[in-house]
Every structure is written in C-alpha cells, then in structure tokens.
Amino acid sequence: MNRLIDTVPHDPQLYTAFSGLFHMTAGPLTLADPRLLSRVLIGPRPVGRPRTTTA
C-alpha cells in the first residue's frame, strides 16, 4: 500500500485510476491492470533521471 501512496501523486494515469476507485466510479479491479500494477511495483520515477536497472 505504501508504494501505491508514494506513486499516485507522480503518475497521472495511476492518479486517475485510483481516484475513480476511491470515488466508487471504477470497479475494484481497476488497479489490477498490468500497465498500472507495474507502475506501482516499480515505484515513481525520479524527475530528470532515466530509470536504470541492476542485474
């Protein structure tokens, strides 16, 4: 849940989905969309720096 709360303010699409869920205008599986779920699991991107992966 902390990752969701940390990511929502920095991601407009996730914010829209979470807002719809919070206001009960979207179904409970809204955040189960793989495109949104991956954003929560990865976390917010730092501003001005591309994300790098570690092996």
Protein backbone atom coordinates (compact mmCIF):
# COMPACT_ATOMS: atom_id res chain seq x y z
CA MET A 1 0.00 0.00 0.00
CA ASN A 2 2.89 2.39 0.69
CA ARG A 3 4.17 2.05 -2.87
CA LEU A 4 0.72 2.94 -4.20
CA ILE A 5 0.52 6.03 -1.99
CA ASP A 6 4.06 7.08 -2.99
CA THR A 7 3.42 6.59 -6.72
CA VAL A 8 -0.08 8.06 -7.17
CA PRO A 9 0.89 11.77 -6.90
CA HIS A 10 3.62 11.36 -9.55
CA ASP A 11 1.69 9.36 -12.17
CA PRO A 12 -1.35 10.97 -13.86
CA GLN A 13 -2.82 7.70 -15.18
CA LEU A 14 -2.46 5.98 -11.84
CA TYR A 15 -3.93 9.02 -10.10
CA THR A 16 -6.98 8.91 -12.38
CA ALA A 17 -7.49 5.18 -11.79
CA PHE A 18 -7.04 5.47 -8.02
CA SER A 19 -9.36 8.48 -7.89
CA GLY A 20 -12.07 6.55 -9.75
CA LEU A 21 -11.66 3.65 -7.36
CA PHE A 22 -11.73 5.93 -4.31
CA HIS A 23 -14.87 7.73 -5.51
CA MET A 24 -16.50 4.42 -6.47
CA THR A 25 -16.85 5.30 -10.14
CA ALA A 26 -14.47 2.47 -11.13
CA GLY A 27 -14.51 -1.21 -10.29
CA PRO A 28 -12.26 -2.81 -7.69
CA LEU A 29 -10.13 -4.48 -10.37
CA THR A 30 -9.09 -1.13 -11.86
CA LEU A 31 -5.68 -1.27 -10.23
CA ALA A 32 -5.19 -4.89 -11.33
CA ASP A 33 -4.48 -3.66 -14.87
CA PRO A 34 -0.91 -4.85 -15.60
CA ARG A 35 0.06 -1.45 -17.00
CA LEU A 36 -0.93 0.26 -13.75
CA LEU A 37 0.19 -2.51 -11.42
CA SER A 38 3.70 -2.48 -12.87
CA ARG A 39 3.96 1.26 -12.17
CA VAL A 40 3.11 0.66 -8.52
CA LEU A 41 5.56 -2.21 -8.17
CA ILE A 42 8.40 -0.28 -9.81
CA GLY A 43 7.61 2.95 -7.98
CA PRO A 44 7.75 6.58 -9.03
CA ARG A 45 10.42 7.68 -11.45
CA PRO A 46 12.88 10.28 -10.24
CA VAL A 47 12.41 13.60 -12.02
CA GLY A 48 15.08 14.34 -14.58
CA ARG A 49 16.84 10.97 -14.42
CA PRO A 50 16.05 7.89 -16.52
CA ARG A 51 15.45 4.67 -14.62
CA THR A 52 18.33 2.21 -14.74
CA THR A 53 18.12 -1.48 -14.00
CA THR A 54 20.56 -3.51 -11.98
CA ALA A 55 21.43 -7.08 -12.76
